[in-house]
Protein backbone atom coordinates (compact mmCIF):
# COMPACT_ATOMS: atom_id res chain seq x y z
CA UNK A 1 -8.69 -7.21 29.38
CA UNK A 2 -8.60 -10.94 29.97
CA UNK A 3 -9.40 -14.30 28.50
CA UNK A 4 -10.22 -17.38 30.50
CA UNK A 5 -6.99 -19.05 31.63
CA UNK A 6 -6.49 -22.43 33.26
CA UNK A 7 -5.21 -22.01 36.80
CA UNK A 8 -3.36 -25.31 36.70
CA UNK A 9 -1.67 -27.58 34.22
CA UNK A 10 0.12 -24.84 32.33
CA UNK A 11 3.64 -25.15 30.91
CA UNK A 12 5.97 -23.17 33.22
CA UNK A 13 8.53 -22.75 30.44
CA UNK A 14 6.13 -20.79 28.22
CA UNK A 15 4.10 -18.99 30.87
CA UNK A 16 4.88 -15.84 32.87
CA UNK A 17 3.55 -12.53 34.11
CA UNK A 18 5.49 -9.37 33.29
CA UNK A 19 5.02 -6.18 35.33
CA UNK A 20 6.15 -2.77 34.07
CA UNK A 21 5.21 0.15 31.84
CA UNK A 22 3.15 -1.99 29.48
CA UNK A 23 2.36 -0.69 26.01
CA UNK A 24 -0.05 -3.12 24.30
CA UNK A 25 0.55 -1.20 21.08
CA UNK A 26 2.98 1.45 19.86
CA UNK A 27 1.96 4.39 22.02
CA UNK A 28 1.53 5.63 25.57
CA UNK A 29 1.18 3.48 28.67
CA UNK A 30 -2.22 1.80 29.03
CA UNK A 31 -1.44 -1.18 31.26
CA UNK A 32 0.73 -2.32 34.15
CA UNK A 33 1.06 -6.03 33.53
CA UNK A 34 0.63 -8.78 30.95
CA UNK A 35 0.06 -12.49 31.51
CA UNK A 36 1.15 -15.17 29.05
CA UNK A 37 0.01 -18.77 29.49
CA UNK A 38 1.31 -21.55 27.25
CA UNK A 39 2.67 -18.99 24.78
CA UNK A 40 -0.55 -17.00 24.45
CA UNK A 41 -1.49 -13.67 26.00
CA UNK A 42 -4.37 -14.22 28.45
CA UNK A 43 -4.58 -10.90 30.28
CA UNK A 44 -3.44 -7.30 29.85
CA UNK A 45 -4.33 -4.60 32.34
CA UNK A 46 -3.73 -3.37 35.86
CA UNK A 47 -1.64 -5.27 38.37
CA UNK A 48 -4.79 -6.33 40.18
CA UNK A 49 -6.56 -7.49 37.00
CA UNK A 50 -3.66 -9.51 35.69
CA UNK A 51 -2.76 -10.99 39.04
CA UNK A 52 -6.34 -12.16 39.50
CA UNK A 53 -6.37 -13.79 36.07
CA UNK A 54 -2.95 -15.45 36.33
CA UNK A 55 -2.56 -19.13 37.29
CA UNK A 56 -1.09 -19.84 40.69
CA UNK A 57 2.63 -20.50 40.70
CA UNK A 58 3.30 -18.75 37.39
CA UNK A 59 6.71 -17.12 36.98
CA UNK A 60 6.84 -13.35 37.38
CA UNK A 61 9.21 -10.78 35.88
CA UNK A 62 9.43 -7.16 37.06
CA UNK A 63 10.87 -4.72 34.52
CA UNK A 64 11.59 -1.11 35.43
CA UNK A 65 11.14 0.11 31.87
CA UNK A 66 8.84 -0.24 28.87
CA UNK A 67 7.21 -3.61 28.17
CA UNK A 68 6.15 -3.64 24.52
CA UNK A 69 5.08 -5.93 21.69
CA UNK A 70 8.00 -7.77 20.16
CA UNK A 71 9.22 -6.43 16.84
CA UNK A 72 8.25 -7.83 13.44
CA UNK A 73 10.66 -7.76 10.49
CA UNK A 74 8.83 -7.77 7.17
CA UNK A 75 11.96 -8.48 5.11
CA UNK A 76 15.10 -10.13 6.49
CA UNK A 77 17.23 -12.85 4.94
CA UNK A 78 17.36 -15.11 7.98
CA UNK A 79 19.29 -17.95 6.37
CA UNK A 80 21.79 -15.53 4.84
CA UNK A 81 22.12 -13.85 8.22
CA UNK A 82 23.18 -17.14 9.77
CA UNK A 83 25.38 -18.05 6.82
CA UNK A 84 27.24 -14.74 7.06
CA UNK A 85 28.61 -15.54 10.52
CA UNK A 86 30.97 -18.17 9.07
CA UNK A 87 31.93 -16.39 5.86
CA UNK A 88 34.44 -13.80 4.73
CA UNK A 89 32.90 -10.34 5.27
CA UNK A 90 34.21 -7.45 3.19
CA UNK A 91 31.19 -5.16 3.41
CA UNK A 92 32.95 -2.55 5.55
CA UNK A 93 36.09 -2.31 3.42
CA UNK A 94 37.03 1.17 2.25
CA UNK A 95 39.94 0.46 -0.11
CA UNK A 96 41.09 -2.20 -2.55
CA UNK A 97 44.26 -3.05 -0.55
CA UNK A 98 42.04 -3.73 2.47
CA UNK A 99 39.79 -5.98 0.36
CA UNK A 100 42.75 -7.92 -1.03
CA UNK A 101 44.46 -8.29 2.34
CA UNK A 102 41.34 -9.85 3.84
CA UNK A 103 40.94 -12.20 0.89
CA UNK A 104 44.57 -13.33 1.21
CA UNK A 105 44.16 -13.99 4.92
CA UNK A 106 40.97 -16.01 4.38
CA UNK A 107 42.47 -17.95 1.46
CA UNK A 108 45.50 -18.93 3.52
CA UNK A 109 43.18 -20.82 5.88
CA UNK A 110 41.71 -22.97 3.10
CA UNK A 111 42.95 -25.91 1.03
CA UNK A 112 43.77 -24.86 -2.51
CA UNK A 113 40.81 -26.77 -3.95
CA UNK A 114 38.24 -25.30 -1.54
CA UNK A 115 35.88 -22.53 -2.55
CA UNK A 116 36.35 -19.18 -0.86
CA UNK A 117 32.88 -17.74 -0.26
CA UNK A 118 31.93 -14.42 1.25
CA UNK A 119 30.17 -11.10 0.85
CA UNK A 120 31.47 -7.92 -0.73
CA UNK A 121 28.70 -5.42 -0.03
CA UNK A 122 30.83 -2.43 -1.01
CA UNK A 123 30.43 -0.66 -4.34
CA UNK A 124 32.91 1.36 -6.36
CA UNK A 125 31.74 4.66 -4.87
CA UNK A 126 32.51 3.44 -1.33
CA UNK A 127 36.13 2.46 -2.09
CA UNK A 128 38.92 5.03 -2.14
CA UNK A 129 39.91 4.03 -5.67
CA UNK A 130 36.35 4.52 -6.99
CA UNK A 131 36.52 1.17 -8.76
CA UNK A 132 36.10 -2.52 -8.05
CA UNK A 133 39.09 -4.87 -7.80
CA UNK A 134 40.30 -6.16 -11.15
CA UNK A 135 40.20 -9.83 -12.05
CA UNK A 136 44.00 -9.99 -11.83
CA UNK A 137 43.89 -8.53 -8.32
CA UNK A 138 41.23 -11.02 -7.24
CA UNK A 139 43.22 -13.92 -8.71
CA UNK A 140 46.40 -12.92 -6.89
CA UNK A 141 44.61 -12.56 -3.57
CA UNK A 142 42.65 -15.83 -3.82
CA UNK A 143 45.78 -17.77 -4.71
CA UNK A 144 44.08 -19.81 -7.40
CA UNK A 145 41.21 -21.01 -5.22
CA UNK A 146 37.76 -20.61 -6.78
CA UNK A 147 36.14 -17.59 -5.14
CA UNK A 148 32.62 -16.16 -5.21
CA UNK A 149 31.76 -13.01 -3.26
CA UNK A 150 28.09 -12.03 -2.99
CA UNK A 151 27.24 -8.37 -3.52
CA UNK A 152 24.01 -7.52 -1.69
CA UNK A 153 22.11 -10.56 -2.94
CA UNK A 154 22.14 -9.31 -6.54
CA UNK A 155 25.65 -9.18 -8.02
CA UNK A 156 28.89 -11.00 -7.23
CA UNK A 157 32.62 -10.96 -7.79
CA UNK A 158 34.33 -14.14 -9.02
CA UNK A 159 37.95 -14.94 -9.71
CA UNK A 160 39.29 -16.74 -12.78
CA UNK A 161 39.23 -20.17 -11.12
CA UNK A 162 35.51 -19.79 -10.38
CA UNK A 163 34.77 -18.51 -13.89
CA UNK A 164 36.65 -21.44 -15.46
CA UNK A 165 34.84 -23.95 -13.27
CA UNK A 166 31.53 -22.47 -14.43
CA UNK A 167 32.64 -22.58 -18.09
CA UNK A 168 32.53 -18.80 -18.51
CA UNK A 169 34.90 -17.36 -21.10
CA UNK A 170 35.41 -13.98 -22.74
CA UNK A 171 33.14 -15.03 -25.61
CA UNK A 172 30.42 -16.60 -23.46
CA UNK A 173 26.96 -15.15 -24.15
CA UNK A 174 25.30 -13.24 -21.35
CA UNK A 175 22.60 -15.20 -19.54
CA UNK A 176 18.98 -14.14 -19.26
CA UNK A 177 18.45 -11.78 -16.32
CA UNK A 178 22.06 -10.65 -15.97
CA UNK A 179 25.41 -10.22 -17.67
CA UNK A 180 29.10 -10.91 -17.21
CA UNK A 181 31.23 -7.83 -16.60
CA UNK A 182 33.74 -7.10 -19.37
CA UNK A 183 36.35 -4.42 -19.93
CA UNK A 184 36.73 -2.22 -22.99
CA UNK A 185 38.59 -5.02 -24.80
CA UNK A 186 35.85 -7.56 -24.10
CA UNK A 187 37.74 -9.48 -21.39
CA UNK A 188 35.98 -10.70 -18.27
CA UNK A 189 36.37 -8.53 -15.18
CA UNK A 190 35.06 -11.02 -12.63
CA UNK A 191 31.92 -8.95 -12.02
CA UNK A 192 28.65 -10.89 -12.22
CA UNK A 193 25.74 -8.52 -12.67
CA UNK A 194 22.34 -9.61 -11.32
CA UNK A 195 20.86 -13.00 -10.58
CA UNK A 196 21.10 -14.53 -14.05
CA UNK A 197 24.89 -14.14 -14.14
CA UNK A 198 25.47 -15.06 -10.50
CA UNK A 199 23.42 -18.25 -10.94
CA UNK A 200 25.84 -19.57 -13.56
CA UNK A 201 28.67 -19.63 -11.02
CA UNK A 202 26.50 -20.51 -8.02
CA UNK A 203 25.44 -23.67 -9.86
CA UNK A 204 28.96 -25.10 -9.62
CA UNK A 205 29.61 -24.16 -5.99
CA UNK A 206 29.34 -27.27 -3.80
CA UNK A 207 25.84 -27.26 -2.34
CA UNK A 208 25.53 -26.87 1.42
CA UNK A 209 24.25 -29.84 3.35
CA UNK A 210 20.82 -29.95 4.93
CA UNK A 211 22.51 -29.73 8.33
CA UNK A 212 24.38 -26.58 7.27
CA UNK A 213 21.21 -24.90 6.05
CA UNK A 214 19.38 -25.72 9.25
CA UNK A 215 22.33 -24.44 11.27
CA UNK A 216 22.27 -21.15 9.35
CA UNK A 217 18.56 -20.78 10.04
CA UNK A 218 19.04 -21.42 13.77
CA UNK A 219 21.84 -18.86 13.95
CA UNK A 220 19.79 -16.28 12.05
CA UNK A 221 16.80 -16.82 14.33
CA UNK A 222 18.98 -16.36 17.40
CA UNK A 223 20.22 -13.06 15.97
CA UNK A 224 16.65 -11.89 15.47
CA UNK A 225 15.65 -12.71 19.05
CA UNK A 226 18.72 -10.84 20.30
CA UNK A 227 17.34 -7.60 18.82
CA UNK A 228 13.75 -8.29 19.92
CA UNK A 229 12.27 -9.72 16.69
CA UNK A 230 9.95 -12.71 17.13
CA UNK A 231 8.15 -12.70 13.76
CA UNK A 232 9.81 -12.25 10.38
CA UNK A 233 9.62 -12.91 6.66
CA UNK A 234 12.51 -14.58 4.84
CA UNK A 235 12.17 -13.72 1.15
CA UNK A 236 13.67 -15.21 -2.01
CA UNK A 237 14.11 -18.85 -0.98
CA UNK A 238 14.76 -21.80 -3.29
CA UNK A 239 13.21 -25.24 -2.96
CA UNK A 240 16.09 -26.72 -0.97
CA UNK A 241 16.09 -23.77 1.42
CA UNK A 242 12.34 -24.02 1.92
CA UNK A 243 12.74 -27.73 2.67
CA UNK A 244 15.36 -26.92 5.30
CA UNK A 245 12.91 -24.55 7.00
CA UNK A 246 10.17 -27.18 6.87
CA UNK A 247 12.36 -29.86 8.42
CA UNK A 248 13.70 -27.56 11.15
CA UNK A 249 10.25 -26.43 12.23
CA UNK A 250 8.92 -30.00 12.09
CA UNK A 251 11.59 -31.28 14.46
CA UNK A 252 12.21 -28.28 16.73
CA UNK A 253 10.35 -25.32 18.24
CA UNK A 254 12.28 -22.23 17.10
CA UNK A 255 11.55 -18.95 18.90
CA UNK A 256 10.58 -16.94 15.81
CA UNK A 257 7.44 -17.24 13.70
CA UNK A 258 8.56 -17.14 10.08
CA UNK A 259 6.79 -16.45 6.80
CA UNK A 260 8.78 -17.80 3.85
CA UNK A 261 8.64 -16.33 0.33
CA UNK A 262 9.49 -18.71 -2.57
CA UNK A 263 11.64 -17.07 -5.23
CA UNK A 264 10.19 -17.58 -8.71
CA UNK A 265 12.85 -17.65 -11.47
CA UNK A 266 12.40 -15.62 -14.62
CA UNK A 267 10.66 -17.66 -17.30
CA UNK A 268 9.00 -20.04 -14.85
CA UNK A 269 5.39 -21.12 -15.16
CA UNK A 270 3.29 -19.96 -12.17
CA UNK A 271 1.11 -23.08 -11.90
CA UNK A 272 4.05 -25.46 -12.18
CA UNK A 273 6.13 -23.43 -9.74
CA UNK A 274 3.28 -23.36 -7.24
CA UNK A 275 2.86 -27.12 -7.53
CA UNK A 276 6.54 -27.58 -6.66
CA UNK A 277 6.16 -25.33 -3.63
CA UNK A 278 2.97 -27.01 -2.42
CA UNK A 279 4.66 -30.41 -2.61
CA UNK A 280 6.88 -29.31 0.29
CA UNK A 281 3.89 -29.23 2.61
CA UNK A 282 4.48 -25.81 4.22
CA UNK A 283 1.08 -24.51 5.35
CA UNK A 284 -0.34 -21.31 3.88
CA UNK A 285 -1.56 -20.36 7.32
CA UNK A 286 -0.50 -17.08 8.96
CA UNK A 287 -1.25 -18.60 12.35
CA UNK A 288 1.34 -21.35 11.93
CA UNK A 289 4.85 -21.12 13.36
CA UNK A 290 6.12 -21.56 9.79
CA UNK A 291 3.88 -20.37 6.99
CA UNK A 292 4.06 -19.94 3.24
CA UNK A 293 3.92 -16.35 2.05
CA UNK A 294 3.61 -14.75 -1.37
CA UNK A 295 5.77 -15.63 -4.35
CA UNK A 296 8.77 -13.32 -4.68
CA UNK A 297 9.82 -11.83 -8.02
CA UNK A 298 12.86 -9.62 -8.62
CA UNK A 299 11.85 -6.84 -10.99
CA UNK A 300 15.09 -4.85 -10.99
CA UNK A 301 18.49 -4.57 -9.37
CA UNK A 302 19.83 -2.46 -6.52
CA UNK A 303 20.35 1.24 -5.95
CA UNK A 304 23.79 0.87 -4.39
CA UNK A 305 24.87 -1.28 -7.32
CA UNK A 306 23.60 1.09 -9.99
CA UNK A 307 21.30 -1.58 -11.43
CA UNK A 308 17.89 -0.34 -10.22
CA UNK A 309 15.57 0.59 -13.10
CA UNK A 310 15.45 4.32 -13.83
CA UNK A 311 13.98 6.34 -16.67
CA UNK A 312 17.36 7.92 -17.38
CA UNK A 313 20.76 6.23 -17.59
CA UNK A 314 22.85 5.99 -14.47
CA UNK A 315 25.47 8.78 -14.63
CA UNK A 316 28.60 7.76 -16.47
CA UNK A 317 26.87 4.81 -18.18
CA UNK A 318 24.43 4.12 -20.98
CA UNK A 319 22.38 1.81 -18.75
CA UNK A 320 19.04 2.65 -17.12
CA UNK A 321 19.43 -0.42 -14.90
CA UNK A 322 18.62 -4.11 -15.11
CA UNK A 323 15.17 -5.67 -15.43
CA UNK A 324 15.75 -8.96 -13.64
CA UNK A 325 12.42 -10.56 -14.53
CA UNK A 326 10.94 -10.17 -18.01
CA UNK A 327 7.69 -8.33 -18.47
CA UNK A 328 6.19 -11.51 -19.94
CA UNK A 329 6.94 -13.46 -16.76
CA UNK A 330 5.61 -10.65 -14.59
CA UNK A 331 2.38 -10.57 -16.60
CA UNK A 332 1.91 -14.33 -16.23
CA UNK A 333 2.43 -14.29 -12.46
CA UNK A 334 0.19 -11.28 -11.94
CA UNK A 335 -2.64 -12.82 -13.98
CA UNK A 336 -2.21 -16.12 -12.10
CA UNK A 337 -2.16 -14.43 -8.69
CA UNK A 338 -5.23 -12.34 -9.55
CA UNK A 339 -7.21 -15.45 -10.48
CA UNK A 340 -6.18 -17.20 -7.23
CA UNK A 341 -6.57 -14.09 -5.03
CA UNK A 342 -3.04 -14.78 -3.82
CA UNK A 343 -0.17 -12.43 -3.17
CA UNK A 344 3.06 -11.43 -4.83
CA UNK A 345 6.15 -9.83 -3.28
CA UNK A 346 7.73 -7.63 -5.93
CA UNK A 347 11.30 -6.36 -5.55
CA UNK A 348 11.14 -2.87 -7.04
CA UNK A 349 13.85 -0.34 -6.20
CA UNK A 350 13.92 2.19 -9.05
CA UNK A 351 11.05 4.41 -10.24
CA UNK A 352 10.76 2.66 -13.61
CA UNK A 353 10.36 -0.69 -11.84
CA UNK A 354 7.69 0.67 -9.48
CA UNK A 355 5.86 2.28 -12.39
CA UNK A 356 5.97 -0.95 -14.43
CA UNK A 357 4.65 -3.08 -11.58
CA UNK A 358 1.83 -0.71 -10.59
CA UNK A 359 0.72 -0.59 -14.23
CA UNK A 360 0.69 -4.40 -14.49
CA UNK A 361 -1.12 -4.80 -11.16
CA UNK A 362 -3.82 -2.40 -12.32
CA UNK A 363 -4.81 -4.53 -15.31
CA UNK A 364 -6.72 -7.33 -13.49
CA UNK A 365 -8.39 -4.72 -11.28
CA UNK A 366 -9.55 -2.68 -14.28
CA UNK A 367 -10.71 -5.89 -15.97
CA UNK A 368 -12.83 -6.80 -12.95
CA UNK A 369 -10.91 -9.98 -12.16
CA UNK A 370 -10.56 -8.80 -8.56
CA UNK A 371 -11.73 -5.63 -6.79
CA UNK A 372 -8.22 -4.78 -5.52
CA UNK A 373 -5.09 -6.46 -4.26
CA UNK A 374 -5.96 -5.62 -0.65
CA UNK A 375 -5.85 -8.65 1.62
CA UNK A 376 -3.74 -10.76 -0.75
CA UNK A 377 -0.36 -9.83 0.73
CA UNK A 378 0.76 -8.24 -2.54
CA UNK A 379 3.39 -5.61 -1.88
CA UNK A 380 6.32 -3.69 -3.29
CA UNK A 381 9.69 -4.43 -1.71
CA UNK A 382 12.09 -1.50 -1.10
CA UNK A 383 10.68 1.14 -3.52
CA UNK A 384 13.14 3.64 -2.04
CA UNK A 385 14.78 5.32 -5.04
CA UNK A 386 13.45 8.54 -6.64
CA UNK A 387 10.03 8.17 -5.03
CA UNK A 388 7.06 9.94 -6.60
CA UNK A 389 3.95 10.93 -4.67
CA UNK A 390 1.70 9.45 -7.35
CA UNK A 391 3.11 6.00 -6.58
CA UNK A 392 1.58 6.18 -3.11
CA UNK A 393 -1.81 7.21 -4.47
CA UNK A 394 -1.78 4.39 -7.02
CA UNK A 395 -0.68 1.78 -4.46
CA UNK A 396 -3.45 2.87 -2.07
CA UNK A 397 -6.06 2.65 -4.82
CA UNK A 398 -4.89 -0.84 -5.78
CA UNK A 399 -4.56 -2.13 -2.21
CA UNK A 400 -0.83 -2.76 -2.63
CA UNK A 401 1.43 -2.59 0.45
CA UNK A 402 5.10 -1.68 0.83
CA UNK A 403 7.90 -3.49 2.66
CA UNK A 404 10.24 -0.66 3.66
CA UNK A 405 13.67 -0.94 5.24
CA UNK A 406 14.90 2.35 6.70
CA UNK A 407 18.26 0.77 7.55
CA UNK A 408 18.71 -0.19 3.88
CA UNK A 409 17.95 3.35 2.78
CA UNK A 410 20.44 4.61 5.34
CA UNK A 411 23.10 2.22 4.08
CA UNK A 412 22.42 3.24 0.47
CA UNK A 413 22.63 6.97 1.17
CA UNK A 414 26.39 7.50 0.54
CA UNK A 415 26.30 5.54 -2.72
CA UNK A 416 23.20 7.31 -4.04
CA UNK A 417 24.63 10.68 -3.05
CA UNK A 418 27.81 9.89 -4.98
CA UNK A 419 25.97 8.51 -8.01
CA UNK A 420 22.92 10.76 -8.32
CA UNK A 421 23.59 13.81 -6.14
CA UNK A 422 22.22 15.29 -2.96
CA UNK A 423 18.68 16.19 -4.17
CA UNK A 424 17.98 12.54 -5.04
CA UNK A 425 19.68 11.29 -1.88
CA UNK A 426 17.50 13.58 0.23
CA UNK A 427 14.33 11.77 -0.89
CA UNK A 428 15.74 8.28 -0.39
CA UNK A 429 13.37 5.87 1.35
CA UNK A 430 10.64 8.48 1.81
CA UNK A 431 7.73 6.98 3.79
CA UNK A 432 5.49 9.97 4.49
CA UNK A 433 3.55 9.73 1.23
CA UNK A 434 2.83 6.00 1.57
CA UNK A 435 1.51 6.45 5.11
CA UNK A 436 -0.48 9.59 4.30
CA UNK A 437 -2.35 7.70 1.59
CA UNK A 438 -3.17 4.81 3.92
CA UNK A 439 -0.82 2.29 2.28
CA UNK A 440 0.05 -0.62 4.57
CA UNK A 441 3.78 -0.20 5.23
CA UNK A 442 5.75 -2.84 7.08
CA UNK A 443 9.19 -2.10 8.46
CA UNK A 444 12.13 -4.43 8.10
CA UNK A 445 15.89 -4.54 7.88
CA UNK A 446 16.97 -6.42 4.71
CA UNK A 447 19.84 -7.80 6.80
CA UNK A 448 22.52 -9.03 6.47
CA UNK A 449 24.18 -5.91 5.17
CA UNK A 450 21.95 -3.20 6.63
CA UNK A 451 21.68 -3.08 10.40
CA UNK A 452 19.40 -5.77 11.84
CA UNK A 453 18.13 -3.93 14.93
CA UNK A 454 14.62 -2.40 14.59
CA UNK A 455 15.89 0.41 16.82
CA UNK A 456 18.21 1.49 14.02
CA UNK A 457 15.34 1.54 11.54
CA UNK A 458 13.17 3.51 13.94
CA UNK A 459 15.90 6.07 14.63
CA UNK A 460 16.35 6.79 10.92
CA UNK A 461 12.74 7.83 10.31
CA UNK A 462 11.98 9.69 13.55
CA UNK A 463 12.38 13.07 11.90
CA UNK A 464 10.17 12.21 8.93
CA UNK A 465 7.20 10.35 10.40
CA UNK A 466 7.52 10.75 14.17
CA UNK A 467 8.23 8.31 16.97
CA UNK A 468 4.87 6.57 17.20
CA UNK A 469 4.66 5.88 13.45
CA UNK A 470 8.28 4.71 13.43
CA UNK A 471 7.54 2.29 16.25
CA UNK A 472 4.34 1.06 14.61
CA UNK A 473 6.23 0.50 11.35
CA UNK A 474 8.29 -2.25 13.00
CA UNK A 475 5.42 -3.81 14.95
CA UNK A 476 1.78 -3.64 13.85
CA UNK A 477 2.64 -2.32 10.38
CA UNK A 478 4.96 -5.20 9.56
CA UNK A 479 2.50 -7.73 11.01
CA UNK A 480 -0.33 -6.30 8.90
CA UNK A 481 1.80 -6.46 5.76
CA UNK A 482 2.56 -10.14 6.41
CA UNK A 483 -1.02 -10.91 7.39
CA UNK A 484 0.14 -12.52 10.61
CA UNK A 485 -0.63 -12.06 14.29
CA UNK A 486 1.83 -10.00 16.31
CA UNK A 487 2.93 -6.43 16.67
CA UNK A 488 0.61 -5.96 19.65
CA UNK A 489 -0.28 -7.43 23.03
CA UNK A 490 -3.90 -8.60 23.22
CA UNK A 491 -5.63 -11.57 24.83
CA UNK A 492 -5.60 -14.50 22.46
CA UNK A 493 -2.56 -13.19 20.58
CA UNK A 494 1.00 -14.53 20.60
CA UNK A 495 2.93 -14.11 23.84
CA UNK A 496 5.76 -12.15 22.26
CA UNK A 497 7.14 -9.02 23.90
CA UNK A 498 10.30 -7.06 24.53
CA UNK A 499 11.72 -5.42 27.63
CA UNK A 500 13.12 -2.07 26.51
CA UNK A 501 15.70 0.13 28.18
CA UNK A 502 14.12 3.32 26.87
CA UNK A 503 10.75 4.65 25.79
CA UNK A 504 10.69 4.74 21.96
CA UNK A 505 8.37 7.74 22.08
CA UNK A 506 10.77 9.96 23.97
CA UNK A 507 14.25 8.47 23.64
CA UNK A 508 16.72 10.18 21.30
CA UNK A 509 17.77 8.26 18.22
CA UNK A 510 21.14 7.23 19.64
CA UNK A 511 19.42 5.42 22.52
CA UNK A 512 17.28 3.41 20.10
CA UNK A 513 20.45 2.18 18.43
CA UNK A 514 22.27 1.34 21.67
CA UNK A 515 23.32 -2.26 22.21
CA UNK A 516 21.21 -2.53 25.36
CA UNK A 517 18.03 -0.99 23.90
CA UNK A 518 16.44 -4.47 24.02
CA UNK A 519 17.09 -5.89 27.48
CA UNK A 520 14.96 -8.98 27.11
CA UNK A 521 12.85 -10.84 24.57
CA UNK A 522 9.91 -13.09 25.33
CA UNK A 523 8.98 -15.38 22.44
CA UNK A 524 5.85 -17.53 22.86
CA UNK A 525 6.02 -16.98 26.60
CA UNK A 526 9.69 -17.98 26.85
CA UNK A 527 12.19 -15.46 28.16
CA UNK A 528 14.94 -16.18 25.67
CA UNK A 529 17.38 -13.37 26.40
CA UNK A 530 17.87 -10.76 29.07
CA UNK A 531 20.56 -8.17 29.66
């Protein structure tokens, strides 16, 4: 399998021939070598075929293991991933004293007027005390510095200094799309539930500079390449964050092809929002290094946080979860997207959220506005809690895909087991039904928080869907969901591949999660890392 390749004048930095156990797709060996010229695959086949097609003087790499398509991550917060490297991380804490000790240590390094920012990905069921820190405990630990701790991109914890700066008092009304945590006496607890509440405090945090945002993106991209990912989607970005991506890709040549999803706020007008996005000049072209993907809407909260939409109240509460975007806004965006034949990325964790969205997506199809959502990039994000087989049948009929993150489901398992019991936990993140009905399912990580490595995601679904489907989930499946090239090695396609230590079809799960599973990554013909 070859395409015509120039035998001279190529760029040595983005051209090479790789010899090994070549798998052009997720499956058994079908080739012995692959040639990449100027970042594009030009030949895949036997040693003799590829050698004959390769330009003279091209660099060669011999790998004694599997040579495979680079991984694709359909849902990873790249900028947040980079940002997390310089922030306080409390996600792995198991007790309140441990949380407070780390906050004190981080606060001691800061001037009293500086904001203390970080992530607190734990929930009350993962702490020994089975509760979150109180506001008084947070205040003591932060030492009076304003503090905001993100909780899985949905909720947050804030101390009194941060609440005062944001003008939040005990009698403050709850914002649209969220609420301020209060105790039985009506006093603030420091918990900010869902995006609407978090946004009130985030608005008074000093904005990062353009240079900081671009630095976070670079760091996040480097982390992706380290685990063999060369194409990814970064969802839920604001205008300033999108502009940082645009400027970085205009001035540099990052190793990862990125699809960016603009985050539409609740209550926004679709046409006006789209006009704002288009003014940034990011191309809506899946072949571009940086491309504009579907609009992202948060429909509900998170399973680990107890804010995903269910039909019954979460145990111990009178709440069935949080609907983050109003039905009216969802209806407007769905009608707008149907008229434009464009896509939507819909964060739906709980069964009531999935049911609501599938019902709304059916309306323009039933009305004949469009035959189906297939080919638009419209997909459910997560959809891992209390799955029902009929959801898969409905999604297949509508042409709706699913962005699934096995590592997220794995991370959520202890919390869901504690909150809802073992029977519900046992069905968490079920993929078999989606795949059996022919739904396009793209694997991802949802990092930071869940493990970034695609090997981890693959290992977690081996028993349910088998090795080949698990591998395809994080390659061709994710690429198909994003509507972008990648996930395979074929002449004319991107020169992205990974050098693997083990065969994903036969290796046990613990080898897929090993640190040296990915020994090298080639992005656009450039060998960017090797171990």
